[in-house]
Amino acid sequence: PKLDINSEDGYHGLVKENETLVEVTPAIRAIGAPVKEFRIVNKHHGEAPFEIIKKADGYAELRARRVLNCEKRRNYKFDIAAVGEDGKESS
């Protein structure tokens, strides 16, 4: 599978105070082959307290594993990969 995104622009996500659902633009979606799961890879600054939940329609949603303290840390940077049924990650 391949992520349906312009790799130069990447994704941008916002999470509201006291919520865990991240509003991601553009939507996380894979094309080209069935997706087994989405994975957070290549964490640029240590921990990324998020999970990617695969939905039935080929899209995925990003959720924080806990309510985030935005006063302590305002942003996170990481890469997302789509993993195919064969175990191969998108590049």
Protein backbone atom coordinates (compact mmCIF):
# COMPACT_ATOMS: atom_id res chain seq x y z
CA PRO A 1 0.00 0.00 0.00
CA LYS A 2 0.95 3.63 -0.42
CA LEU A 3 -0.16 6.63 1.62
CA ASP A 4 -2.40 8.93 -0.41
CA ILE A 5 -0.51 12.16 0.31
CA ASN A 6 1.88 14.68 -1.18
CA SER A 7 5.04 13.77 0.74
CA GLU A 8 6.41 17.31 0.59
CA ASP A 9 3.51 18.77 2.57
CA GLY A 10 2.89 15.89 4.97
CA TYR A 11 0.05 15.73 7.46
CA HIS A 12 -0.94 18.36 9.99
CA GLY A 13 -2.95 17.49 13.05
CA LEU A 14 -4.71 19.47 15.73
CA VAL A 15 -6.12 18.14 18.98
CA LYS A 16 -8.52 20.14 21.12
CA GLU A 17 -7.93 20.60 24.82
CA ASN A 18 -9.18 17.64 26.89
CA GLU A 19 -9.80 15.50 23.78
CA THR A 20 -7.86 12.65 22.21
CA LEU A 21 -9.10 12.60 18.61
CA VAL A 22 -6.63 14.41 16.35
CA GLU A 23 -8.09 16.31 13.39
CA VAL A 24 -5.66 15.39 10.60
CA THR A 25 -5.40 17.22 7.26
CA PRO A 26 -5.40 15.64 4.74
CA ALA A 27 -7.15 12.52 5.99
CA ILE A 28 -4.91 9.47 6.55
CA ARG A 29 -5.62 7.04 3.73
CA ALA A 30 -3.76 4.30 1.87
CA ILE A 31 -4.22 3.27 -1.75
CA GLY A 32 -2.98 0.55 -4.08
CA ALA A 33 -3.26 -2.53 -1.85
CA PRO A 34 -5.10 -3.78 1.23
CA VAL A 35 -3.81 -2.38 4.52
CA LYS A 36 -3.23 -4.57 7.54
CA GLU A 37 -2.46 -1.63 9.84
CA PHE A 38 -1.05 1.87 10.03
CA ARG A 39 2.05 2.43 12.12
CA ILE A 40 3.92 5.38 13.63
CA VAL A 41 7.55 5.17 12.58
CA ASN A 42 10.65 7.35 12.81
CA LYS A 43 9.76 9.38 15.88
CA HIS A 44 11.82 12.56 15.51
CA HIS A 45 11.81 13.70 19.12
CA GLY A 46 11.34 10.64 21.30
CA GLU A 47 7.90 9.54 22.41
CA ALA A 48 4.85 9.93 20.21
CA PRO A 49 1.86 9.27 22.49
CA PHE A 50 -0.48 8.49 19.62
CA GLU A 51 -2.07 5.49 17.94
CA ILE A 52 -3.46 5.11 14.47
CA ILE A 53 -6.76 3.28 14.22
CA LYS A 54 -7.59 1.66 10.89
CA LYS A 55 -11.15 2.15 9.73
CA ALA A 56 -13.05 -0.12 7.35
CA ASP A 57 -13.13 2.40 4.49
CA GLY A 58 -9.35 2.55 3.90
CA TYR A 59 -8.98 5.62 6.06
CA ALA A 60 -7.49 5.86 9.54
CA GLU A 61 -7.83 8.15 12.52
CA LEU A 62 -5.11 9.41 14.80
CA ARG A 63 -5.76 9.44 18.53
CA ALA A 64 -3.69 10.55 21.48
CA ARG A 65 -3.22 7.71 23.97
CA ARG A 66 -4.00 10.19 26.74
CA VAL A 67 -5.09 13.81 27.10
CA LEU A 68 -2.06 15.88 26.14
CA ASN A 69 -0.49 18.65 28.21
CA CYS A 70 0.02 21.33 25.55
CA GLU A 71 1.70 23.67 28.01
CA LYS A 72 4.42 21.08 28.54
CA ARG A 73 4.82 20.15 24.86
CA ARG A 74 3.10 21.92 21.97
CA ASN A 75 3.95 19.68 19.01
CA TYR A 76 5.12 16.25 17.92
CA LYS A 77 6.73 15.16 14.69
CA PHE A 78 6.68 11.61 13.38
CA ASP A 79 6.16 9.62 10.21
CA ILE A 80 3.26 7.33 9.39
CA ALA A 81 3.48 4.11 7.38
CA ALA A 82 0.79 1.88 5.93
CA VAL A 83 1.55 -1.81 6.41
CA GLY A 84 0.29 -4.25 3.81
CA GLU A 85 -0.98 -7.78 4.30
CA ASP A 86 2.53 -8.97 3.36
CA GLY A 87 4.07 -6.97 6.24
CA LYS A 88 5.80 -4.44 4.00
CA GLU A 89 5.66 -0.78 5.02
CA SER A 90 4.88 2.03 2.61
CA SER A 91 7.79 4.34 1.95
